[in-house]
């Protein structure tokens, strides 16, 4: 049964990039519309059990919890804006791999905060960012537009790391339902403001566009992340974290099969370096956590992102 949920989770999150690219390319749906409806629907789904069982939880939110949740929501909104836009400019495989650098960015942020990482983590960071150099180098030579897409995807990964760190602070005292409802709801509101400022419509799409939005929300947000949350209750977080990394080759394979996306051999090599580097970062951080070398006052989500944002 765990294998089934693992396969379902990987398929769900790996389908995010290809589904977004297909929806943007074949319909009139805007990038911010996808971000808005994905978060608005996610907030509604996550709010329902809490509202039914214990609605008073929303009235107990402290200023500290609201502050960290707000920071997480801002980071998440900008993450979606960067990542979804990048899929219009660069390949699905490259955008997915670059945005999946979330765990690496968390380790980098921790370095600036004075955290001492084991040499394996530092080596993994070097390997992963070597893959970034390979991908952006090939795109720089082939298409300036693709390079801009790569940079936006990298920014999306960094923002996802910030979202995870801020969310980890909020989740120290908040339930999953309360936090996700607040964060997703504020994120949807922020995206709506961005859409208004940039003139991107949030409604008025053809049926195929609404079908694409529904597929993205169900596959990536609800099925993919729900499957991984289930696995976290039955499997080691290390194993789950490693399984999640299969999103990178999974997205590349789906894009190749359904979108007929072909890339230079050097780009595929870059994808492989990012995958290998992130695996080393995950293993290094987990080993450090078992040996008690991570700061004691940091929640697990500050040491490693269990789930991505996509």
C-alpha atoms as a PDB file:
ATOM      1  CA  UNK A   1       0.000   0.000   0.000  1.00  0.00           C
ATOM      2  CA  UNK A   2       2.878   2.387   0.758  1.00  0.00           C
ATOM      3  CA  UNK A   3       4.245   1.794  -2.740  1.00  0.00           C
ATOM      4  CA  UNK A   4       0.856   2.759  -4.170  1.00  0.00           C
ATOM      5  CA  UNK A   5       0.746   6.019  -2.183  1.00  0.00           C
ATOM      6  CA  UNK A   6       4.381   6.780  -3.087  1.00  0.00           C
ATOM      7  CA  UNK A   7       3.665   6.289  -6.799  1.00  0.00           C
ATOM      8  CA  UNK A   8       0.483   8.382  -6.498  1.00  0.00           C
ATOM      9  CA  UNK A   9       2.352  11.160  -4.687  1.00  0.00           C
ATOM     10  CA  UNK A  10       5.197  11.303  -7.214  1.00  0.00           C
ATOM     11  CA  UNK A  11       2.755  11.261 -10.136  1.00  0.00           C
ATOM     12  CA  UNK A  12       0.709  14.020  -8.501  1.00  0.00           C
ATOM     13  CA  UNK A  13       3.534  16.487  -7.827  1.00  0.00           C
ATOM     14  CA  UNK A  14       5.393  15.624 -11.046  1.00  0.00           C
ATOM     15  CA  UNK A  15       2.269  16.408 -13.056  1.00  0.00           C
ATOM     16  CA  UNK A  16       2.188  19.997 -11.751  1.00  0.00           C
ATOM     17  CA  UNK A  17       4.647  21.487 -14.253  1.00  0.00           C
ATOM     18  CA  UNK A  18       3.349  19.666 -17.346  1.00  0.00           C
ATOM     19  CA  UNK A  19      -0.297  20.403 -16.470  1.00  0.00           C
ATOM     20  CA  UNK A  20       0.421  24.096 -15.882  1.00  0.00           C
ATOM     21  CA  UNK A  21       2.414  24.380 -19.113  1.00  0.00           C
ATOM     22  CA  UNK A  22      -0.312  22.604 -21.085  1.00  0.00           C
ATOM     23  CA  UNK A  23      -3.064  24.773 -19.581  1.00  0.00           C
ATOM     24  CA  UNK A  24      -1.183  28.015 -20.216  1.00  0.00           C
ATOM     25  CA  UNK A  25      -0.322  26.983 -23.770  1.00  0.00           C
ATOM     26  CA  UNK A  26      -3.722  25.719 -24.883  1.00  0.00           C
ATOM     27  CA  UNK A  27      -6.198  27.995 -23.081  1.00  0.00           C
ATOM     28  CA  UNK A  28      -6.695  31.636 -22.124  1.00  0.00           C
ATOM     29  CA  UNK A  29      -5.985  30.927 -18.443  1.00  0.00           C
ATOM     30  CA  UNK A  30      -3.434  33.325 -16.954  1.00  0.00           C
ATOM     31  CA  UNK A  31      -0.519  32.359 -14.715  1.00  0.00           C
ATOM     32  CA  UNK A  32      -1.917  34.192 -11.686  1.00  0.00           C
ATOM     33  CA  UNK A  33      -5.350  32.641 -12.218  1.00  0.00           C
ATOM     34  CA  UNK A  34      -3.826  29.199 -11.719  1.00  0.00           C
ATOM     35  CA  UNK A  35      -2.085  30.363  -8.552  1.00  0.00           C
ATOM     36  CA  UNK A  36      -5.246  32.047  -7.240  1.00  0.00           C
ATOM     37  CA  UNK A  37      -7.675  29.186  -7.768  1.00  0.00           C
ATOM     38  CA  UNK A  38      -5.219  26.552  -6.618  1.00  0.00           C
ATOM     39  CA  UNK A  39      -4.776  28.310  -3.274  1.00  0.00           C
ATOM     40  CA  UNK A  40      -8.388  29.423  -2.902  1.00  0.00           C
ATOM     41  CA  UNK A  41      -9.664  25.892  -3.456  1.00  0.00           C
ATOM     42  CA  UNK A  42      -6.922  24.490  -1.209  1.00  0.00           C
ATOM     43  CA  UNK A  43      -7.902  26.906   1.581  1.00  0.00           C
ATOM     44  CA  UNK A  44     -11.570  25.943   1.290  1.00  0.00           C
ATOM     45  CA  UNK A  45     -10.781  22.223   1.373  1.00  0.00           C
ATOM     46  CA  UNK A  46      -8.436  22.551   4.361  1.00  0.00           C
ATOM     47  CA  UNK A  47     -10.818  24.857   6.246  1.00  0.00           C
ATOM     48  CA  UNK A  48     -13.836  22.566   6.088  1.00  0.00           C
ATOM     49  CA  UNK A  49     -12.757  19.931   8.680  1.00  0.00           C
ATOM     50  CA  UNK A  50     -11.537  22.615  11.104  1.00  0.00           C
ATOM     51  CA  UNK A  51     -14.705  24.711  10.754  1.00  0.00           C
ATOM     52  CA  UNK A  52     -16.848  21.623  11.373  1.00  0.00           C
ATOM     53  CA  UNK A  53     -14.875  20.159  14.282  1.00  0.00           C
ATOM     54  CA  UNK A  54     -13.289  23.106  16.078  1.00  0.00           C
ATOM     55  CA  UNK A  55     -14.066  26.526  14.567  1.00  0.00           C
ATOM     56  CA  UNK A  56     -12.749  28.338  17.665  1.00  0.00           C
ATOM     57  CA  UNK A  57      -9.193  27.572  16.580  1.00  0.00           C
ATOM     58  CA  UNK A  58      -9.314  30.501  14.161  1.00  0.00           C
ATOM     59  CA  UNK A  59     -10.102  32.842  17.035  1.00  0.00           C
ATOM     60  CA  UNK A  60      -7.047  31.678  18.988  1.00  0.00           C
ATOM     61  CA  UNK A  61      -4.466  32.718  16.388  1.00  0.00           C
ATOM     62  CA  UNK A  62      -1.802  34.822  18.105  1.00  0.00           C
ATOM     63  CA  UNK A  63       0.030  37.828  16.683  1.00  0.00           C
ATOM     64  CA  UNK A  64       3.202  35.731  16.367  1.00  0.00           C
ATOM     65  CA  UNK A  65       1.378  32.985  14.471  1.00  0.00           C
ATOM     66  CA  UNK A  66      -0.325  35.526  12.208  1.00  0.00           C
ATOM     67  CA  UNK A  67       3.005  37.266  11.522  1.00  0.00           C
ATOM     68  CA  UNK A  68       4.801  34.068  10.492  1.00  0.00           C
ATOM     69  CA  UNK A  69       1.775  32.839   8.507  1.00  0.00           C
ATOM     70  CA  UNK A  70       1.641  36.166   6.678  1.00  0.00           C
ATOM     71  CA  UNK A  71       5.326  35.922   5.752  1.00  0.00           C
ATOM     72  CA  UNK A  72       4.759  32.366   4.532  1.00  0.00           C
ATOM     73  CA  UNK A  73       1.762  33.501   2.464  1.00  0.00           C
ATOM     74  CA  UNK A  74       3.729  36.326   0.812  1.00  0.00           C
ATOM     75  CA  UNK A  75       6.575  33.950  -0.029  1.00  0.00           C
ATOM     76  CA  UNK A  76       4.130  31.353  -1.377  1.00  0.00           C
ATOM     77  CA  UNK A  77       2.315  33.899  -3.546  1.00  0.00           C
ATOM     78  CA  UNK A  78       5.571  35.150  -5.075  1.00  0.00           C
ATOM     79  CA  UNK A  79       6.765  31.545  -5.448  1.00  0.00           C
ATOM     80  CA  UNK A  80       3.741  30.629  -7.552  1.00  0.00           C
ATOM     81  CA  UNK A  81       4.007  33.833  -9.585  1.00  0.00           C
ATOM     82  CA  UNK A  82       7.659  33.090 -10.413  1.00  0.00           C
ATOM     83  CA  UNK A  83       7.323  29.341 -11.021  1.00  0.00           C
ATOM     84  CA  UNK A  84       4.160  29.423 -13.140  1.00  0.00           C
ATOM     85  CA  UNK A  85       5.500  32.300 -15.237  1.00  0.00           C
ATOM     86  CA  UNK A  86       8.796  30.416 -15.735  1.00  0.00           C
ATOM     87  CA  UNK A  87       6.891  27.550 -17.352  1.00  0.00           C
ATOM     88  CA  UNK A  88       5.914  29.947 -20.158  1.00  0.00           C
ATOM     89  CA  UNK A  89       9.551  30.827 -20.834  1.00  0.00           C
ATOM     90  CA  UNK A  90      11.684  27.723 -20.278  1.00  0.00           C
ATOM     91  CA  UNK A  91      11.246  23.958 -20.443  1.00  0.00           C
ATOM     92  CA  UNK A  92       9.071  22.105 -17.939  1.00  0.00           C
ATOM     93  CA  UNK A  93      11.991  19.857 -16.992  1.00  0.00           C
ATOM     94  CA  UNK A  94      14.350  22.766 -16.282  1.00  0.00           C
ATOM     95  CA  UNK A  95      11.743  24.824 -14.400  1.00  0.00           C
ATOM     96  CA  UNK A  96      10.760  21.873 -12.214  1.00  0.00           C
ATOM     97  CA  UNK A  97      14.364  20.950 -11.385  1.00  0.00           C
ATOM     98  CA  UNK A  98      15.300  24.542 -10.548  1.00  0.00           C
ATOM     99  CA  UNK A  99      12.244  25.161  -8.363  1.00  0.00           C
ATOM    100  CA  UNK A 100      12.945  21.880  -6.539  1.00  0.00           C
ATOM    101  CA  UNK A 101      16.131  23.480  -5.150  1.00  0.00           C
ATOM    102  CA  UNK A 102      13.969  24.406  -2.162  1.00  0.00           C
ATOM    103  CA  UNK A 103      15.886  22.128   0.239  1.00  0.00           C
ATOM    104  CA  UNK A 104      19.206  23.500  -1.001  1.00  0.00           C
ATOM    105  CA  UNK A 105      18.048  27.099  -0.486  1.00  0.00           C
ATOM    106  CA  UNK A 106      16.969  26.261   3.062  1.00  0.00           C
ATOM    107  CA  UNK A 107      20.468  24.976   3.770  1.00  0.00           C
ATOM    108  CA  UNK A 108      21.947  28.167   2.269  1.00  0.00           C
ATOM    109  CA  UNK A 109      19.664  30.369   4.376  1.00  0.00           C
ATOM    110  CA  UNK A 110      20.743  28.419   7.451  1.00  0.00           C
ATOM    111  CA  UNK A 111      24.391  29.066   6.599  1.00  0.00           C
ATOM    112  CA  UNK A 112      23.722  32.804   6.740  1.00  0.00           C
ATOM    113  CA  UNK A 113      22.013  32.284  10.097  1.00  0.00           C
ATOM    114  CA  UNK A 114      25.132  30.642  11.494  1.00  0.00           C
ATOM    115  CA  UNK A 115      24.133  26.984  11.209  1.00  0.00           C
ATOM    116  CA  UNK A 116      27.063  24.619  10.764  1.00  0.00           C
ATOM    117  CA  UNK A 117      26.361  21.973   8.150  1.00  0.00           C
ATOM    118  CA  UNK A 118      28.166  18.678   7.746  1.00  0.00           C
ATOM    119  CA  UNK A 119      30.526  18.427   4.797  1.00  0.00           C
ATOM    120  CA  UNK A 120      28.049  16.167   2.986  1.00  0.00           C
ATOM    121  CA  UNK A 121      25.474  18.975   2.921  1.00  0.00           C
ATOM    122  CA  UNK A 122      28.015  21.451   1.571  1.00  0.00           C
ATOM    123  CA  UNK A 123      29.124  18.939  -1.057  1.00  0.00           C
ATOM    124  CA  UNK A 124      25.501  18.338  -2.047  1.00  0.00           C
ATOM    125  CA  UNK A 125      24.941  22.081  -2.409  1.00  0.00           C
ATOM    126  CA  UNK A 126      27.974  22.296  -4.688  1.00  0.00           C
ATOM    127  CA  UNK A 127      26.728  19.430  -6.862  1.00  0.00           C
ATOM    128  CA  UNK A 128      23.178  20.812  -7.070  1.00  0.00           C
ATOM    129  CA  UNK A 129      24.242  24.328  -7.981  1.00  0.00           C
ATOM    130  CA  UNK A 130      26.694  22.839 -10.477  1.00  0.00           C
ATOM    131  CA  UNK A 131      23.612  21.420 -12.185  1.00  0.00           C
ATOM    132  CA  UNK A 132      22.082  24.910 -12.142  1.00  0.00           C
ATOM    133  CA  UNK A 133      25.159  26.275 -13.927  1.00  0.00           C
ATOM    134  CA  UNK A 134      24.874  23.536 -16.549  1.00  0.00           C
ATOM    135  CA  UNK A 135      21.168  24.195 -17.246  1.00  0.00           C
ATOM    136  CA  UNK A 136      21.397  27.987 -17.305  1.00  0.00           C
ATOM    137  CA  UNK A 137      24.580  27.828 -19.363  1.00  0.00           C
ATOM    138  CA  UNK A 138      22.903  25.844 -22.127  1.00  0.00           C
ATOM    139  CA  UNK A 139      19.809  28.065 -22.024  1.00  0.00           C
ATOM    140  CA  UNK A 140      21.946  31.209 -22.130  1.00  0.00           C
ATOM    141  CA  UNK A 141      23.459  30.033 -25.377  1.00  0.00           C
ATOM    142  CA  UNK A 142      20.168  28.960 -26.941  1.00  0.00           C
ATOM    143  CA  UNK A 143      17.529  31.416 -25.767  1.00  0.00           C
ATOM    144  CA  UNK A 144      17.580  34.572 -23.605  1.00  0.00           C
ATOM    145  CA  UNK A 145      13.901  33.932 -22.888  1.00  0.00           C
ATOM    146  CA  UNK A 146      14.696  30.476 -21.502  1.00  0.00           C
ATOM    147  CA  UNK A 147      17.413  31.991 -19.304  1.00  0.00           C
ATOM    148  CA  UNK A 148      14.874  34.427 -17.815  1.00  0.00           C
ATOM    149  CA  UNK A 149      12.591  31.443 -17.170  1.00  0.00           C
ATOM    150  CA  UNK A 150      15.429  29.614 -15.435  1.00  0.00           C
ATOM    151  CA  UNK A 151      16.110  32.603 -13.185  1.00  0.00           C
ATOM    152  CA  UNK A 152      12.421  32.894 -12.308  1.00  0.00           C
ATOM    153  CA  UNK A 153      12.293  29.176 -11.442  1.00  0.00           C
ATOM    154  CA  UNK A 154      15.370  29.572  -9.223  1.00  0.00           C
ATOM    155  CA  UNK A 155      13.713  32.528  -7.486  1.00  0.00           C
ATOM    156  CA  UNK A 156      10.624  30.360  -7.055  1.00  0.00           C
ATOM    157  CA  UNK A 157      12.733  27.705  -5.341  1.00  0.00           C
ATOM    158  CA  UNK A 158      14.292  30.258  -2.978  1.00  0.00           C
ATOM    159  CA  UNK A 159      10.839  31.649  -2.139  1.00  0.00           C
ATOM    160  CA  UNK A 160       9.580  28.111  -1.497  1.00  0.00           C
ATOM    161  CA  UNK A 161      12.439  27.687   0.973  1.00  0.00           C
ATOM    162  CA  UNK A 162      11.451  30.920   2.719  1.00  0.00           C
ATOM    163  CA  UNK A 163       7.825  29.744   2.760  1.00  0.00           C
ATOM    164  CA  UNK A 164       8.870  26.503   4.447  1.00  0.00           C
ATOM    165  CA  UNK A 165      11.011  28.253   7.070  1.00  0.00           C
ATOM    166  CA  UNK A 166       8.287  30.768   7.948  1.00  0.00           C
ATOM    167  CA  UNK A 167       5.679  28.016   7.967  1.00  0.00           C
ATOM    168  CA  UNK A 168       7.860  25.979  10.310  1.00  0.00           C
ATOM    169  CA  UNK A 169       7.836  28.849  12.804  1.00  0.00           C
ATOM    170  CA  UNK A 170       4.048  29.202  12.558  1.00  0.00           C
ATOM    171  CA  UNK A 171       3.460  25.450  12.822  1.00  0.00           C
ATOM    172  CA  UNK A 172       5.256  25.267  16.173  1.00  0.00           C
ATOM    173  CA  UNK A 173       1.947  26.155  17.805  1.00  0.00           C
ATOM    174  CA  UNK A 174      -0.675  25.874  15.025  1.00  0.00           C
ATOM    175  CA  UNK A 175      -2.575  22.855  13.740  1.00  0.00           C
ATOM    176  CA  UNK A 176      -2.198  21.848  10.101  1.00  0.00           C
ATOM    177  CA  UNK A 177      -5.768  22.804   9.231  1.00  0.00           C
ATOM    178  CA  UNK A 178      -5.598  26.239  10.847  1.00  0.00           C
ATOM    179  CA  UNK A 179      -2.210  27.104   9.358  1.00  0.00           C
ATOM    180  CA  UNK A 180      -2.902  25.916   5.823  1.00  0.00           C
ATOM    181  CA  UNK A 181      -6.304  27.616   5.738  1.00  0.00           C
ATOM    182  CA  UNK A 182      -4.820  30.927   6.899  1.00  0.00           C
ATOM    183  CA  UNK A 183      -1.724  30.698   4.695  1.00  0.00           C
ATOM    184  CA  UNK A 184      -3.484  29.526   1.521  1.00  0.00           C
ATOM    185  CA  UNK A 185      -6.287  32.037   2.054  1.00  0.00           C
ATOM    186  CA  UNK A 186      -3.916  35.001   2.450  1.00  0.00           C
ATOM    187  CA  UNK A 187      -1.851  33.731  -0.482  1.00  0.00           C
ATOM    188  CA  UNK A 188      -4.961  33.656  -2.696  1.00  0.00           C
ATOM    189  CA  UNK A 189      -5.836  37.214  -1.613  1.00  0.00           C
ATOM    190  CA  UNK A 190      -2.321  38.444  -2.414  1.00  0.00           C
ATOM    191  CA  UNK A 191      -2.363  36.748  -5.819  1.00  0.00           C
ATOM    192  CA  UNK A 192      -5.732  38.395  -6.540  1.00  0.00           C
ATOM    193  CA  UNK A 193      -4.168  41.799  -5.819  1.00  0.00           C
ATOM    194  CA  UNK A 194      -1.226  40.975  -8.104  1.00  0.00           C
ATOM    195  CA  UNK A 195      -3.646  39.912 -10.835  1.00  0.00           C
ATOM    196  CA  UNK A 196      -5.545  43.192 -10.479  1.00  0.00           C
ATOM    197  CA  UNK A 197      -2.342  45.220 -10.684  1.00  0.00           C
ATOM    198  CA  UNK A 198      -1.030  43.340 -13.724  1.00  0.00           C
ATOM    199  CA  UNK A 199      -4.359  43.058 -15.539  1.00  0.00           C
ATOM    200  CA  UNK A 200      -4.462  39.258 -15.529  1.00  0.00           C
ATOM    201  CA  UNK A 201      -8.050  37.897 -15.447  1.00  0.00           C
ATOM    202  CA  UNK A 202      -9.112  35.393 -12.795  1.00  0.00           C
ATOM    203  CA  UNK A 203     -12.381  34.370 -14.482  1.00  0.00           C
ATOM    204  CA  UNK A 204     -14.016  34.199 -17.913  1.00  0.00           C
ATOM    205  CA  UNK A 205     -12.084  31.171 -19.197  1.00  0.00           C
ATOM    206  CA  UNK A 206     -13.314  28.482 -21.568  1.00  0.00           C
ATOM    207  CA  UNK A 207     -14.312  25.044 -20.170  1.00  0.00           C
ATOM    208  CA  UNK A 208     -10.905  23.583 -21.088  1.00  0.00           C
ATOM    209  CA  UNK A 209      -9.220  26.264 -18.987  1.00  0.00           C
ATOM    210  CA  UNK A 210     -11.344  25.494 -15.927  1.00  0.00           C
ATOM    211  CA  UNK A 211     -10.670  21.789 -16.468  1.00  0.00           C
ATOM    212  CA  UNK A 212      -6.933  22.523 -16.453  1.00  0.00           C
ATOM    213  CA  UNK A 213      -7.198  24.520 -13.208  1.00  0.00           C
ATOM    214  CA  UNK A 214      -9.185  21.691 -11.607  1.00  0.00           C
ATOM    215  CA  UNK A 215      -6.672  19.080 -12.766  1.00  0.00           C
ATOM    216  CA  UNK A 216      -3.730  21.087 -11.419  1.00  0.00           C
ATOM    217  CA  UNK A 217      -5.410  21.589  -8.044  1.00  0.00           C
ATOM    218  CA  UNK A 218      -6.558  18.001  -7.651  1.00  0.00           C
ATOM    219  CA  UNK A 219      -3.417  16.259  -8.944  1.00  0.00           C
ATOM    220  CA  UNK A 220      -0.676  18.416  -7.417  1.00  0.00           C
ATOM    221  CA  UNK A 221      -2.273  20.099  -4.405  1.00  0.00           C
ATOM    222  CA  UNK A 222      -4.734  17.508  -3.121  1.00  0.00           C
ATOM    223  CA  UNK A 223      -3.647  14.086  -4.390  1.00  0.00           C
ATOM    224  CA  UNK A 224       0.143  14.551  -4.484  1.00  0.00           C
ATOM    225  CA  UNK A 225       0.665  16.302  -1.169  1.00  0.00           C
ATOM    226  CA  UNK A 226      -2.046  14.290   0.598  1.00  0.00           C
ATOM    227  CA  UNK A 227      -0.319  11.063  -0.433  1.00  0.00           C
ATOM    228  CA  UNK A 228       3.011  12.269   0.958  1.00  0.00           C
ATOM    229  CA  UNK A 229       1.373  13.435   4.185  1.00  0.00           C
ATOM    230  CA  UNK A 230      -0.036   9.934   4.567  1.00  0.00           C
ATOM    231  CA  UNK A 231       3.377   8.381   3.966  1.00  0.00           C
ATOM    232  CA  UNK A 232       4.922  10.605   6.662  1.00  0.00           C
ATOM    233  CA  UNK A 233       2.687   8.826   9.188  1.00  0.00           C
ATOM    234  CA  UNK A 234       3.798   5.353   8.099  1.00  0.00           C
ATOM    235  CA  UNK A 235       7.354   5.734   6.722  1.00  0.00           C
ATOM    236  CA  UNK A 236      10.635   7.365   7.687  1.00  0.00           C
ATOM    237  CA  UNK A 237      10.753  11.101   6.805  1.00  0.00           C
ATOM    238  CA  UNK A 238      14.125  10.429   5.156  1.00  0.00           C
ATOM    239  CA  UNK A 239      12.606   7.899   2.765  1.00  0.00           C
ATOM    240  CA  UNK A 240       9.666  10.192   2.006  1.00  0.00           C
ATOM    241  CA  UNK A 241      12.024  13.111   1.342  1.00  0.00           C
ATOM    242  CA  UNK A 242      14.028  10.990  -1.079  1.00  0.00           C
ATOM    243  CA  UNK A 243      10.861   9.793  -2.842  1.00  0.00           C
ATOM    244  CA  UNK A 244       9.734  13.408  -3.339  1.00  0.00           C
ATOM    245  CA  UNK A 245      12.929  14.083  -5.310  1.00  0.00           C
ATOM    246  CA  UNK A 246      11.547  11.786  -8.015  1.00  0.00           C
ATOM    247  CA  UNK A 247       9.413  14.789  -9.004  1.00  0.00           C
ATOM    248  CA  UNK A 248      12.388  16.013 -11.073  1.00  0.00           C
ATOM    249  CA  UNK A 249      12.751  13.035 -13.446  1.00  0.00           C
ATOM    250  CA  UNK A 250       8.989  12.449 -13.242  1.00  0.00           C
ATOM    251  CA  UNK A 251       8.179  15.919 -14.581  1.00  0.00           C
ATOM    252  CA  UNK A 252      10.825  15.592 -17.300  1.00  0.00           C
ATOM    253  CA  UNK A 253       9.373  12.229 -18.393  1.00  0.00           C
ATOM    254  CA  UNK A 254       5.772  13.485 -18.425  1.00  0.00           C
ATOM    255  CA  UNK A 255       6.804  16.586 -20.407  1.00  0.00           C
ATOM    256  CA  UNK A 256       8.663  14.423 -22.918  1.00  0.00           C
ATOM    257  CA  UNK A 257       5.742  12.022 -23.400  1.00  0.00           C
ATOM    258  CA  UNK A 258       2.747  14.372 -23.371  1.00  0.00           C
ATOM    259  CA  UNK A 259       4.256  17.704 -24.448  1.00  0.00           C
ATOM    260  CA  UNK A 260       6.924  16.220 -26.767  1.00  0.00           C
ATOM    261  CA  UNK A 261       9.583  18.278 -24.979  1.00  0.00           C
ATOM    262  CA  UNK A 262      13.150  17.514 -26.044  1.00  0.00           C
ATOM    263  CA  UNK A 263      16.232  19.026 -24.421  1.00  0.00           C
ATOM    264  CA  UNK A 264      19.980  19.093 -25.104  1.00  0.00           C
ATOM    265  CA  UNK A 265      21.984  16.301 -23.487  1.00  0.00           C
ATOM    266  CA  UNK A 266      23.762  18.883 -21.322  1.00  0.00           C
ATOM    267  CA  UNK A 267      20.453  20.006 -19.831  1.00  0.00           C
ATOM    268  CA  UNK A 268      19.599  16.439 -18.865  1.00  0.00           C
ATOM    269  CA  UNK A 269      23.036  16.185 -17.263  1.00  0.00           C
ATOM    270  CA  UNK A 270      22.209  19.309 -15.267  1.00  0.00           C
ATOM    271  CA  UNK A 271      18.943  17.739 -14.110  1.00  0.00           C
ATOM    272  CA  UNK A 272      20.880  14.692 -12.953  1.00  0.00           C
ATOM    273  CA  UNK A 273      23.366  16.839 -11.003  1.00  0.00           C
ATOM    274  CA  UNK A 274      20.552  18.710  -9.252  1.00  0.00           C
ATOM    275  CA  UNK A 275      18.828  15.431  -8.345  1.00  0.00           C
ATOM    276  CA  UNK A 276      22.056  13.908  -7.026  1.00  0.00           C
ATOM    277  CA  UNK A 277      23.029  17.056  -5.136  1.00  0.00           C
ATOM    278  CA  UNK A 278      19.640  17.382  -3.442  1.00  0.00           C
ATOM    279  CA  UNK A 279      19.775  13.718  -2.429  1.00  0.00           C
ATOM    280  CA  UNK A 280      23.149  14.335  -0.746  1.00  0.00           C
ATOM    281  CA  UNK A 281      21.748  17.448   1.010  1.00  0.00           C
ATOM    282  CA  UNK A 282      18.752  15.462   2.291  1.00  0.00           C
ATOM    283  CA  UNK A 283      20.934  12.616   3.546  1.00  0.00           C
ATOM    284  CA  UNK A 284      23.437  14.993   5.136  1.00  0.00           C
ATOM    285  CA  UNK A 285      20.784  17.018   6.961  1.00  0.00           C
ATOM    286  CA  UNK A 286      18.984  13.925   8.202  1.00  0.00           C
ATOM    287  CA  UNK A 287      22.223  12.423   9.485  1.00  0.00           C
ATOM    288  CA  UNK A 288      23.033  15.658  11.283  1.00  0.00           C
ATOM    289  CA  UNK A 289      19.574  15.702  12.859  1.00  0.00           C
ATOM    290  CA  UNK A 290      19.989  12.153  14.189  1.00  0.00           C
ATOM    291  CA  UNK A 291      23.333  13.061  15.751  1.00  0.00           C
ATOM    292  CA  UNK A 292      21.841  16.123  17.401  1.00  0.00           C
ATOM    293  CA  UNK A 293      23.968  18.586  15.481  1.00  0.00           C
ATOM    294  CA  UNK A 294      21.045  20.700  14.245  1.00  0.00           C
ATOM    295  CA  UNK A 295      19.990  23.573  16.508  1.00  0.00           C
ATOM    296  CA  UNK A 296      17.578  22.277  19.135  1.00  0.00           C
ATOM    297  CA  UNK A 297      15.222  25.227  18.892  1.00  0.00           C
ATOM    298  CA  UNK A 298      14.502  24.640  15.215  1.00  0.00           C
ATOM    299  CA  UNK A 299      11.498  22.529  14.167  1.00  0.00           C
ATOM    300  CA  UNK A 300      12.035  19.704  11.660  1.00  0.00           C
ATOM    301  CA  UNK A 301      10.768  21.868   8.819  1.00  0.00           C
ATOM    302  CA  UNK A 302      13.712  24.245   9.367  1.00  0.00           C
ATOM    303  CA  UNK A 303      16.160  21.410   8.914  1.00  0.00           C
ATOM    304  CA  UNK A 304      14.506  20.012   5.785  1.00  0.00           C
ATOM    305  CA  UNK A 305      11.460  20.746   3.680  1.00  0.00           C
ATOM    306  CA  UNK A 306       9.277  17.666   3.939  1.00  0.00           C
ATOM    307  CA  UNK A 307       6.915  18.729   1.162  1.00  0.00           C
ATOM    308  CA  UNK A 308       7.438  21.082  -1.719  1.00  0.00           C
ATOM    309  CA  UNK A 309       5.077  23.841  -2.662  1.00  0.00           C
ATOM    310  CA  UNK A 310       4.240  22.567  -6.142  1.00  0.00           C
END
